[in-house]
Amino acid sequence: MLEAKNLKVIDAIERPLPDSLINPANNQMAVDLLWADPDVNVPLFAANRRGVGHIFGQEVIDRIRTRFGVDLIIRAHQVVLDGHEFFNGTPDSGLITLFTAPHYCGMYDNSGAIVRVAVDLGVSFKRFEPTFKNSPSRG
């Protein structure tokens, strides 16, 4: 994304995305968008412990926000315990991780959340607490 001139590169990604394109050899942009994770200990980029994609830090967030003229990036595809999480614990970071599946895979005690974006672009969240009925991990 740091090399992209505009957000049309995202629009150009084939949808639905076939499994064959979710690998770096066929579509690095899709892999980066799906698998990149933020990390407060990384200023730019590092290898991702998931084995695919990269981890990135605040400097990357700031560069992307500036390049594309956006105030906030909302991403998903990573479990966070409260269903949503501001990068570095602060809204000023410009990045929210959103995860909608409470009690993910029956293994995590996480909440799920949705984000509401108001007309003035303010955000609020609705959390969904996990329920443990009929959960094999809870008995």
N, C-alpha and C. Protein backbone atom coordinates (compact mmCIF):
# COMPACT_ATOMS: atom_id res chain seq x y z
N MET A 1 0.82 -1.20 0.00
CA MET A 1 0.00 0.00 0.00
C MET A 1 0.86 1.26 0.00
N LEU A 2 2.07 1.16 0.54
CA LEU A 2 2.91 2.35 0.56
C LEU A 2 3.31 2.81 -0.83
N GLU A 3 3.30 1.90 -1.81
CA GLU A 3 3.65 2.27 -3.17
C GLU A 3 2.43 2.69 -3.99
N ALA A 4 1.24 2.38 -3.53
CA ALA A 4 0.02 2.67 -4.28
C ALA A 4 -0.20 4.18 -4.39
N LYS A 5 -0.70 4.60 -5.53
CA LYS A 5 -0.97 6.02 -5.74
C LYS A 5 -2.36 6.41 -5.24
N ASN A 6 -3.29 5.45 -5.22
CA ASN A 6 -4.63 5.73 -4.72
C ASN A 6 -5.27 4.41 -4.27
N LEU A 7 -6.46 4.51 -3.72
CA LEU A 7 -7.14 3.33 -3.18
C LEU A 7 -7.79 2.46 -4.24
N LYS A 8 -7.70 2.85 -5.50
CA LYS A 8 -8.27 2.03 -6.58
C LYS A 8 -7.59 0.67 -6.68
N VAL A 9 -6.38 0.54 -6.14
CA VAL A 9 -5.70 -0.77 -6.15
C VAL A 9 -6.51 -1.80 -5.36
N ILE A 10 -7.23 -1.34 -4.35
CA ILE A 10 -8.08 -2.26 -3.58
C ILE A 10 -9.30 -2.64 -4.41
N ASP A 11 -9.88 -1.66 -5.09
CA ASP A 11 -11.04 -1.94 -5.95
C ASP A 11 -10.70 -2.95 -7.04
N ALA A 12 -9.44 -2.98 -7.47
CA ALA A 12 -9.03 -3.85 -8.57
C ALA A 12 -8.86 -5.32 -8.16
N ILE A 13 -8.89 -5.61 -6.87
CA ILE A 13 -8.72 -6.99 -6.42
C ILE A 13 -9.98 -7.79 -6.75
N GLU A 14 -9.80 -8.93 -7.40
CA GLU A 14 -10.91 -9.80 -7.80
C GLU A 14 -11.72 -10.23 -6.57
N ARG A 15 -13.04 -10.19 -6.69
CA ARG A 15 -13.93 -10.63 -5.62
C ARG A 15 -15.02 -11.51 -6.20
N PRO A 16 -15.42 -12.57 -5.53
CA PRO A 16 -14.75 -13.08 -4.34
C PRO A 16 -13.34 -13.52 -4.69
N LEU A 17 -12.48 -13.46 -3.70
CA LEU A 17 -11.07 -13.77 -3.92
C LEU A 17 -10.86 -15.28 -3.88
N PRO A 18 -10.50 -15.88 -5.02
CA PRO A 18 -10.27 -17.32 -5.03
C PRO A 18 -9.07 -17.69 -4.16
N ASP A 19 -9.13 -18.86 -3.54
CA ASP A 19 -8.03 -19.32 -2.70
C ASP A 19 -6.69 -19.28 -3.43
N SER A 20 -6.72 -19.53 -4.73
CA SER A 20 -5.47 -19.56 -5.50
C SER A 20 -4.78 -18.20 -5.53
N LEU A 21 -5.53 -17.12 -5.25
CA LEU A 21 -4.93 -15.79 -5.27
C LEU A 21 -4.51 -15.31 -3.89
N ILE A 22 -4.75 -16.11 -2.87
CA ILE A 22 -4.36 -15.70 -1.52
C ILE A 22 -2.98 -16.26 -1.20
N ASN A 23 -2.03 -15.89 -2.01
CA ASN A 23 -0.63 -16.23 -1.75
C ASN A 23 0.24 -15.15 -2.38
N PRO A 24 1.41 -14.92 -1.79
CA PRO A 24 2.25 -13.82 -2.27
C PRO A 24 2.64 -13.92 -3.74
N ALA A 25 2.79 -15.11 -4.26
CA ALA A 25 3.20 -15.25 -5.66
C ALA A 25 2.14 -14.74 -6.62
N ASN A 26 0.87 -14.86 -6.24
CA ASN A 26 -0.22 -14.48 -7.14
C ASN A 26 -0.85 -13.12 -6.85
N ASN A 27 -0.81 -12.69 -5.59
CA ASN A 27 -1.46 -11.42 -5.27
C ASN A 27 -0.94 -10.89 -3.93
N GLN A 28 0.22 -10.27 -3.96
CA GLN A 28 0.83 -9.76 -2.73
C GLN A 28 -0.07 -8.74 -2.05
N MET A 29 -0.75 -7.90 -2.81
CA MET A 29 -1.63 -6.89 -2.22
C MET A 29 -2.73 -7.54 -1.40
N ALA A 30 -3.38 -8.56 -1.94
CA ALA A 30 -4.44 -9.25 -1.19
C ALA A 30 -3.89 -9.89 0.07
N VAL A 31 -2.74 -10.53 -0.03
CA VAL A 31 -2.11 -11.16 1.14
C VAL A 31 -1.82 -10.10 2.21
N ASP A 32 -1.27 -8.99 1.80
CA ASP A 32 -0.94 -7.94 2.76
C ASP A 32 -2.20 -7.37 3.42
N LEU A 33 -3.24 -7.16 2.64
CA LEU A 33 -4.47 -6.62 3.21
C LEU A 33 -5.14 -7.61 4.16
N LEU A 34 -5.08 -8.90 3.86
CA LEU A 34 -5.73 -9.90 4.70
C LEU A 34 -4.91 -10.29 5.93
N TRP A 35 -3.61 -10.36 5.81
CA TRP A 35 -2.80 -10.99 6.84
C TRP A 35 -1.87 -10.06 7.60
N ALA A 36 -1.70 -8.83 7.20
CA ALA A 36 -0.81 -7.93 7.93
C ALA A 36 -1.42 -7.57 9.28
N ASP A 37 -0.59 -7.56 10.31
CA ASP A 37 -1.03 -7.27 11.68
C ASP A 37 -0.21 -6.13 12.26
N PRO A 38 -0.85 -5.25 13.05
CA PRO A 38 -0.10 -4.17 13.69
C PRO A 38 0.67 -4.68 14.91
N ASP A 39 1.78 -4.01 15.20
CA ASP A 39 2.60 -4.37 16.36
C ASP A 39 3.27 -3.10 16.88
N VAL A 40 3.05 -2.79 18.15
CA VAL A 40 3.60 -1.56 18.73
C VAL A 40 5.12 -1.57 18.80
N ASN A 41 5.74 -2.72 18.71
CA ASN A 41 7.20 -2.83 18.81
C ASN A 41 7.92 -2.75 17.47
N VAL A 42 7.17 -2.53 16.40
CA VAL A 42 7.75 -2.50 15.05
C VAL A 42 7.47 -1.13 14.45
N PRO A 43 8.51 -0.36 14.09
CA PRO A 43 8.24 0.94 13.49
C PRO A 43 7.74 0.85 12.05
N LEU A 44 8.35 0.01 11.24
CA LEU A 44 7.95 -0.13 9.85
C LEU A 44 7.37 -1.52 9.61
N PHE A 45 8.17 -2.45 9.11
CA PHE A 45 7.69 -3.80 8.79
C PHE A 45 8.60 -4.86 9.39
N ALA A 46 8.03 -6.03 9.63
CA ALA A 46 8.79 -7.22 10.03
C ALA A 46 7.99 -8.43 9.58
N ALA A 47 8.63 -9.60 9.62
CA ALA A 47 7.94 -10.85 9.25
C ALA A 47 6.81 -11.12 10.24
N ASN A 48 5.72 -11.67 9.75
CA ASN A 48 4.56 -11.98 10.59
C ASN A 48 4.70 -13.38 11.17
N ARG A 49 4.43 -13.53 12.45
CA ARG A 49 4.52 -14.85 13.10
C ARG A 49 3.49 -15.84 12.56
N ARG A 50 2.48 -15.34 11.83
CA ARG A 50 1.51 -16.24 11.21
C ARG A 50 2.13 -17.00 10.04
N GLY A 51 3.28 -16.53 9.57
CA GLY A 51 3.95 -17.19 8.45
C GLY A 51 3.57 -16.61 7.10
N VAL A 52 2.67 -15.66 7.08
CA VAL A 52 2.26 -15.01 5.84
C VAL A 52 1.98 -13.54 6.17
N GLY A 53 2.20 -12.67 5.21
CA GLY A 53 2.00 -11.25 5.45
C GLY A 53 3.12 -10.67 6.30
N HIS A 54 2.89 -9.47 6.79
CA HIS A 54 3.89 -8.75 7.58
C HIS A 54 3.25 -8.21 8.85
N ILE A 55 4.08 -7.77 9.77
CA ILE A 55 3.60 -6.93 10.86
C ILE A 55 4.10 -5.52 10.56
N PHE A 56 3.36 -4.54 11.07
CA PHE A 56 3.68 -3.15 10.76
C PHE A 56 3.44 -2.30 12.00
N GLY A 57 4.03 -1.11 12.00
CA GLY A 57 3.92 -0.24 13.15
C GLY A 57 3.30 1.10 12.86
N GLN A 58 3.37 1.98 13.86
CA GLN A 58 2.73 3.29 13.80
C GLN A 58 3.20 4.12 12.62
N GLU A 59 4.47 4.05 12.28
CA GLU A 59 4.96 4.84 11.16
C GLU A 59 4.27 4.46 9.85
N VAL A 60 4.01 3.19 9.65
CA VAL A 60 3.30 2.73 8.45
C VAL A 60 1.86 3.25 8.47
N ILE A 61 1.22 3.16 9.62
CA ILE A 61 -0.15 3.68 9.76
C ILE A 61 -0.18 5.16 9.39
N ASP A 62 0.74 5.93 9.94
CA ASP A 62 0.78 7.37 9.67
C ASP A 62 1.03 7.67 8.20
N ARG A 63 1.94 6.94 7.58
CA ARG A 63 2.23 7.16 6.15
C ARG A 63 1.01 6.86 5.28
N ILE A 64 0.32 5.78 5.57
CA ILE A 64 -0.86 5.41 4.77
C ILE A 64 -1.98 6.42 4.97
N ARG A 65 -2.21 6.84 6.21
CA ARG A 65 -3.25 7.84 6.46
C ARG A 65 -2.95 9.14 5.72
N THR A 66 -1.70 9.55 5.74
CA THR A 66 -1.30 10.78 5.05
C THR A 66 -1.42 10.62 3.54
N ARG A 67 -0.90 9.53 3.00
CA ARG A 67 -0.91 9.32 1.55
C ARG A 67 -2.33 9.31 0.99
N PHE A 68 -3.26 8.67 1.69
CA PHE A 68 -4.61 8.52 1.16
C PHE A 68 -5.61 9.49 1.77
N GLY A 69 -5.16 10.36 2.66
CA GLY A 69 -6.04 11.37 3.23
C GLY A 69 -7.15 10.80 4.07
N VAL A 70 -6.85 9.77 4.86
CA VAL A 70 -7.87 9.18 5.73
C VAL A 70 -7.47 9.40 7.19
N ASP A 71 -8.48 9.56 8.02
CA ASP A 71 -8.23 9.76 9.45
C ASP A 71 -8.12 8.45 10.21
N LEU A 72 -8.79 7.43 9.70
CA LEU A 72 -8.91 6.19 10.46
C LEU A 72 -8.88 4.99 9.52
N ILE A 73 -8.15 3.96 9.94
CA ILE A 73 -8.13 2.68 9.23
C ILE A 73 -8.82 1.68 10.14
N ILE A 74 -9.80 0.95 9.61
CA ILE A 74 -10.46 -0.11 10.36
C ILE A 74 -10.11 -1.42 9.68
N ARG A 75 -9.54 -2.34 10.44
CA ARG A 75 -9.09 -3.62 9.91
C ARG A 75 -9.72 -4.74 10.74
N ALA A 76 -9.59 -5.96 10.24
CA ALA A 76 -10.14 -7.11 10.94
C ALA A 76 -9.19 -8.29 10.77
N HIS A 77 -9.71 -9.49 11.01
CA HIS A 77 -8.98 -10.73 10.74
C HIS A 77 -7.92 -11.02 11.80
N GLN A 78 -8.15 -10.49 13.03
CA GLN A 78 -7.24 -10.77 14.14
C GLN A 78 -8.06 -10.71 15.43
N VAL A 79 -7.99 -11.76 16.23
CA VAL A 79 -8.75 -11.79 17.48
C VAL A 79 -8.27 -10.70 18.42
N VAL A 80 -9.21 -9.91 18.94
CA VAL A 80 -8.94 -8.98 20.04
C VAL A 80 -9.99 -9.24 21.11
N LEU A 81 -9.59 -9.22 22.37
CA LEU A 81 -10.46 -9.71 23.45
C LEU A 81 -11.74 -8.93 23.63
N ASP A 82 -11.73 -7.61 23.43
CA ASP A 82 -12.93 -6.80 23.63
C ASP A 82 -13.76 -6.63 22.36
N GLY A 83 -13.38 -7.30 21.29
CA GLY A 83 -14.10 -7.17 20.02
C GLY A 83 -13.59 -6.03 19.17
N HIS A 84 -13.01 -5.03 19.81
CA HIS A 84 -12.37 -3.93 19.09
C HIS A 84 -11.19 -3.44 19.92
N GLU A 85 -10.23 -2.86 19.22
CA GLU A 85 -9.04 -2.40 19.93
C GLU A 85 -8.38 -1.29 19.12
N PHE A 86 -8.08 -0.19 19.79
CA PHE A 86 -7.30 0.88 19.18
C PHE A 86 -5.83 0.49 19.24
N PHE A 87 -5.13 0.67 18.15
CA PHE A 87 -3.69 0.39 18.13
C PHE A 87 -3.02 1.23 19.20
N ASN A 88 -2.14 0.62 19.95
CA ASN A 88 -1.39 1.28 21.01
C ASN A 88 -2.31 1.83 22.10
N GLY A 89 -3.56 1.35 22.14
CA GLY A 89 -4.51 1.75 23.18
C GLY A 89 -5.06 3.15 23.06
N THR A 90 -4.84 3.82 21.94
CA THR A 90 -5.29 5.20 21.82
C THR A 90 -5.97 5.46 20.48
N PRO A 91 -7.10 6.18 20.50
CA PRO A 91 -7.77 6.54 19.24
C PRO A 91 -6.88 7.38 18.32
N ASP A 92 -5.92 8.10 18.89
CA ASP A 92 -5.03 8.94 18.09
C ASP A 92 -4.13 8.13 17.16
N SER A 93 -4.03 6.83 17.40
CA SER A 93 -3.18 5.99 16.55
C SER A 93 -3.70 5.92 15.11
N GLY A 94 -5.02 6.10 14.94
CA GLY A 94 -5.60 6.06 13.60
C GLY A 94 -5.90 4.66 13.09
N LEU A 95 -5.87 3.65 13.99
CA LEU A 95 -6.11 2.27 13.56
C LEU A 95 -6.96 1.54 14.59
N ILE A 96 -8.01 0.90 14.10
CA ILE A 96 -8.86 0.05 14.93
C ILE A 96 -8.82 -1.36 14.36
N THR A 97 -8.65 -2.33 15.25
CA THR A 97 -8.85 -3.73 14.87
C THR A 97 -10.23 -4.11 15.37
N LEU A 98 -11.04 -4.67 14.48
CA LEU A 98 -12.41 -5.07 14.79
C LEU A 98 -12.52 -6.56 14.58
N PHE A 99 -13.13 -7.25 15.55
CA PHE A 99 -13.32 -8.69 15.42
C PHE A 99 -14.75 -9.00 15.85
N THR A 100 -15.52 -9.61 14.97
CA THR A 100 -16.96 -9.75 15.20
C THR A 100 -17.40 -11.06 15.83
N ALA A 101 -16.52 -12.04 15.93
CA ALA A 101 -16.92 -13.38 16.38
C ALA A 101 -16.62 -13.59 17.87
N PRO A 102 -17.66 -13.51 18.74
CA PRO A 102 -17.41 -13.79 20.15
C PRO A 102 -17.09 -15.27 20.37
N HIS A 103 -16.28 -15.53 21.37
CA HIS A 103 -15.88 -16.91 21.74
C HIS A 103 -15.39 -17.65 20.50
N TYR A 104 -14.45 -17.02 19.81
CA TYR A 104 -13.96 -17.48 18.51
C TYR A 104 -13.50 -18.93 18.56
N CYS A 105 -14.06 -19.73 17.67
CA CYS A 105 -13.73 -21.16 17.52
C CYS A 105 -13.89 -21.94 18.81
N GLY A 106 -14.63 -21.40 19.77
CA GLY A 106 -14.80 -22.09 21.04
C GLY A 106 -13.53 -22.13 21.87
N MET A 107 -12.52 -21.36 21.47
CA MET A 107 -11.22 -21.41 22.15
C MET A 107 -10.87 -20.13 22.90
N TYR A 108 -11.46 -19.01 22.53
CA TYR A 108 -11.10 -17.72 23.13
C TYR A 108 -12.28 -17.19 23.94
N ASP A 109 -11.98 -16.45 24.99
CA ASP A 109 -13.02 -15.81 25.79
C ASP A 109 -13.23 -14.37 25.31
N ASN A 110 -13.13 -14.15 24.02
CA ASN A 110 -13.23 -12.81 23.47
C ASN A 110 -14.68 -12.41 23.21
N SER A 111 -14.91 -11.10 23.25
CA SER A 111 -16.17 -10.53 22.80
C SER A 111 -16.06 -10.28 21.30
N GLY A 112 -17.20 -10.07 20.67
CA GLY A 112 -17.24 -9.61 19.29
C GLY A 112 -17.73 -8.18 19.31
N ALA A 113 -17.57 -7.46 18.22
CA ALA A 113 -18.05 -6.08 18.18
C ALA A 113 -18.34 -5.67 16.74
N ILE A 114 -19.20 -4.67 16.63
CA ILE A 114 -19.40 -3.98 15.36
C ILE A 114 -19.09 -2.51 15.60
N VAL A 115 -18.75 -1.82 14.56
CA VAL A 115 -18.47 -0.39 14.67
C VAL A 115 -19.58 0.37 13.96
N ARG A 116 -19.99 1.45 14.56
CA ARG A 116 -20.95 2.36 13.94
C ARG A 116 -20.19 3.63 13.57
N VAL A 117 -20.33 4.04 12.33
CA VAL A 117 -19.68 5.26 11.87
C VAL A 117 -20.78 6.29 11.63
N ALA A 118 -20.74 7.38 12.38
CA ALA A 118 -21.76 8.43 12.29
C ALA A 118 -21.52 9.32 11.07
N VAL A 119 -22.50 10.14 10.76
CA VAL A 119 -22.40 11.07 9.64
C VAL A 119 -21.17 11.97 9.80
N ASP A 120 -20.87 12.36 11.04
CA ASP A 120 -19.70 13.22 11.28
C ASP A 120 -18.40 12.41 11.38
N LEU A 121 -18.49 11.11 11.06
CA LEU A 121 -17.37 10.16 11.05
C LEU A 121 -16.88 9.77 12.44
N GLY A 122 -17.63 10.13 13.48
CA GLY A 122 -17.32 9.61 14.81
C GLY A 122 -17.66 8.13 14.85
N VAL A 123 -16.96 7.37 15.68
CA VAL A 123 -17.21 5.94 15.76
C VAL A 123 -17.67 5.56 17.16
N SER A 124 -18.53 4.55 17.20
CA SER A 124 -18.94 3.93 18.46
C SER A 124 -19.02 2.43 18.21
N PHE A 125 -19.05 1.68 19.28
CA PHE A 125 -18.99 0.23 19.17
C PHE A 125 -20.14 -0.43 19.90
N LYS A 126 -20.60 -1.54 19.38
CA LYS A 126 -21.55 -2.40 20.08
C LYS A 126 -20.84 -3.73 20.28
N ARG A 127 -20.72 -4.11 21.55
CA ARG A 127 -20.03 -5.36 21.90
C ARG A 127 -21.03 -6.49 22.06
N PHE A 128 -20.59 -7.67 21.70
CA PHE A 128 -21.36 -8.89 21.88
C PHE A 128 -20.53 -9.81 22.76
N GLU A 129 -21.04 -10.02 23.98
CA GLU A 129 -20.31 -10.86 24.93
C GLU A 129 -20.42 -12.32 24.51
N PRO A 130 -19.41 -13.12 24.83
CA PRO A 130 -19.49 -14.55 24.49
C PRO A 130 -20.53 -15.25 25.35
N THR A 131 -21.20 -16.22 24.75
CA THR A 131 -22.07 -17.11 25.51
C THR A 131 -21.42 -18.48 25.47
N PHE A 132 -21.50 -19.17 26.57
CA PHE A 132 -20.76 -20.43 26.67
C PHE A 132 -21.68 -21.64 26.72
N LYS A 133 -22.97 -21.45 26.45
CA LYS A 133 -23.89 -22.59 26.40
C LYS A 133 -23.47 -23.55 25.31
N ASN A 134 -23.54 -24.82 25.60
CA ASN A 134 -23.23 -25.87 24.62
C ASN A 134 -21.82 -25.77 24.05
N SER A 135 -20.94 -25.12 24.76
CA SER A 135 -19.57 -24.97 24.27
C SER A 135 -18.73 -26.14 24.73
N PRO A 136 -18.11 -26.87 23.81
CA PRO A 136 -17.30 -28.01 24.21
C PRO A 136 -16.12 -27.61 25.08
N SER A 137 -15.62 -26.38 24.93
CA SER A 137 -14.46 -25.98 25.72
C SER A 137 -14.84 -25.59 27.14
N ARG A 138 -16.12 -25.34 27.38
CA ARG A 138 -16.58 -24.92 28.71
C ARG A 138 -17.33 -26.03 29.44
N GLY A 139 -17.74 -27.08 28.73
CA GLY A 139 -18.43 -28.20 29.36
C GLY A 139 -19.84 -27.99 29.61
